Amino acid sequence: QEDYTNGVKTYLTILEHHPDDIQSLLRMAQLHAEAGNVTEVLSWSERVLAIEPENSEAMEMKQAATVS
């Protein structure tokens, strides 16, 4: 739980300064996936896909979230 909270805080700080940072957006989706937060996974994946529509990692996370 603490790692999740710290990770989210860290990436949110990065995204405040670099809102289109793909790696940070993907990591946010991944952190939420690991925590089972489907709605958040979809939201962060969509943000990546809005910037990079062909991003396979975001597409895979989105698909996995909708299946579970």
C-alpha atoms as a PDB file:
ATOM      1  CA  GLN A   1       0.000   0.000   0.000  1.00  0.00           C
ATOM      2  CA  GLU A   2       2.773   2.445   0.892  1.00  0.00           C
ATOM      3  CA  ASP A   3       4.661   1.718  -2.356  1.00  0.00           C
ATOM      4  CA  TYR A   4       1.454   2.313  -4.309  1.00  0.00           C
ATOM      5  CA  THR A   5       0.772   5.617  -2.536  1.00  0.00           C
ATOM      6  CA  ASN A   6       4.357   6.813  -2.924  1.00  0.00           C
ATOM      7  CA  GLY A   7       4.422   5.774  -6.573  1.00  0.00           C
ATOM      8  CA  VAL A   8       1.212   7.618  -7.351  1.00  0.00           C
ATOM      9  CA  LYS A   9       2.478  10.760  -5.590  1.00  0.00           C
ATOM     10  CA  THR A  10       5.790  10.617  -7.450  1.00  0.00           C
ATOM     11  CA  TYR A  11       4.231  10.240 -10.886  1.00  0.00           C
ATOM     12  CA  LEU A  12       1.589  12.894 -10.214  1.00  0.00           C
ATOM     13  CA  THR A  13       4.392  15.313  -9.350  1.00  0.00           C
ATOM     14  CA  ILE A  14       6.186  14.490 -12.604  1.00  0.00           C
ATOM     15  CA  LEU A  15       2.953  14.876 -14.560  1.00  0.00           C
ATOM     16  CA  GLU A  16       2.299  18.308 -13.049  1.00  0.00           C
ATOM     17  CA  HIS A  17       5.400  19.516 -14.877  1.00  0.00           C
ATOM     18  CA  HIS A  18       5.247  17.164 -17.887  1.00  0.00           C
ATOM     19  CA  PRO A  19       1.566  16.287 -18.471  1.00  0.00           C
ATOM     20  CA  ASP A  20       2.268  14.440 -21.723  1.00  0.00           C
ATOM     21  CA  ASP A  21       5.075  12.234 -20.385  1.00  0.00           C
ATOM     22  CA  ILE A  22       4.096   8.867 -21.819  1.00  0.00           C
ATOM     23  CA  GLN A  23       6.207   6.772 -19.452  1.00  0.00           C
ATOM     24  CA  SER A  24       4.725   8.459 -16.382  1.00  0.00           C
ATOM     25  CA  LEU A  25       1.198   8.086 -17.736  1.00  0.00           C
ATOM     26  CA  LEU A  26       1.818   4.399 -18.435  1.00  0.00           C
ATOM     27  CA  ARG A  27       3.286   3.891 -14.978  1.00  0.00           C
ATOM     28  CA  MET A  28       0.188   5.458 -13.413  1.00  0.00           C
ATOM     29  CA  ALA A  29      -1.976   3.018 -15.356  1.00  0.00           C
ATOM     30  CA  GLN A  30       0.261   0.147 -14.266  1.00  0.00           C
ATOM     31  CA  LEU A  31       0.188   1.154 -10.588  1.00  0.00           C
ATOM     32  CA  HIS A  32      -3.599   1.289 -10.679  1.00  0.00           C
ATOM     33  CA  ALA A  33      -3.752  -2.053 -12.495  1.00  0.00           C
ATOM     34  CA  GLU A  34      -1.650  -3.648  -9.764  1.00  0.00           C
ATOM     35  CA  ALA A  35      -4.049  -2.182  -7.178  1.00  0.00           C
ATOM     36  CA  GLY A  36      -7.108  -3.400  -9.091  1.00  0.00           C
ATOM     37  CA  ASN A  37      -8.469   0.086  -9.843  1.00  0.00           C
ATOM     38  CA  VAL A  38     -10.082  -0.625 -13.205  1.00  0.00           C
ATOM     39  CA  THR A  39     -11.598   2.839 -13.662  1.00  0.00           C
ATOM     40  CA  GLU A  40      -8.220   4.485 -13.095  1.00  0.00           C
ATOM     41  CA  VAL A  41      -6.456   2.068 -15.454  1.00  0.00           C
ATOM     42  CA  LEU A  42      -8.912   2.976 -18.185  1.00  0.00           C
ATOM     43  CA  SER A  43      -8.540   6.689 -17.500  1.00  0.00           C
ATOM     44  CA  TRP A  44      -4.728   6.696 -17.577  1.00  0.00           C
ATOM     45  CA  SER A  45      -4.613   4.389 -20.604  1.00  0.00           C
ATOM     46  CA  GLU A  46      -6.971   6.723 -22.459  1.00  0.00           C
ATOM     47  CA  ARG A  47      -4.693   9.666 -21.686  1.00  0.00           C
ATOM     48  CA  VAL A  48      -1.788   7.796 -23.276  1.00  0.00           C
ATOM     49  CA  LEU A  49      -3.862   6.832 -26.299  1.00  0.00           C
ATOM     50  CA  ALA A  50      -4.993  10.438 -26.778  1.00  0.00           C
ATOM     51  CA  ILE A  51      -1.320  11.339 -27.251  1.00  0.00           C
ATOM     52  CA  GLU A  52      -0.125   8.129 -28.937  1.00  0.00           C
ATOM     53  CA  PRO A  53      -3.119   6.321 -30.467  1.00  0.00           C
ATOM     54  CA  GLU A  54      -0.999   3.319 -31.458  1.00  0.00           C
ATOM     55  CA  ASN A  55       0.690   2.804 -28.073  1.00  0.00           C
ATOM     56  CA  SER A  56       0.536  -0.976 -27.675  1.00  0.00           C
ATOM     57  CA  GLU A  57       1.237  -0.970 -23.932  1.00  0.00           C
ATOM     58  CA  ALA A  58      -1.702   1.350 -23.247  1.00  0.00           C
ATOM     59  CA  MET A  59      -3.938  -0.696 -25.548  1.00  0.00           C
ATOM     60  CA  GLU A  60      -2.977  -3.901 -23.724  1.00  0.00           C
ATOM     61  CA  MET A  61      -3.614  -2.386 -20.286  1.00  0.00           C
ATOM     62  CA  LYS A  62      -6.966  -1.025 -21.414  1.00  0.00           C
ATOM     63  CA  GLN A  63      -7.979  -4.375 -22.869  1.00  0.00           C
ATOM     64  CA  ALA A  64      -6.880  -6.273 -19.746  1.00  0.00           C
ATOM     65  CA  ALA A  65      -8.828  -3.869 -17.531  1.00  0.00           C
ATOM     66  CA  THR A  66     -12.033  -4.303 -19.513  1.00  0.00           C
ATOM     67  CA  VAL A  67     -11.731  -8.106 -19.436  1.00  0.00           C
ATOM     68  CA  SER A  68     -11.278  -8.373 -15.663  1.00  0.00           C
END
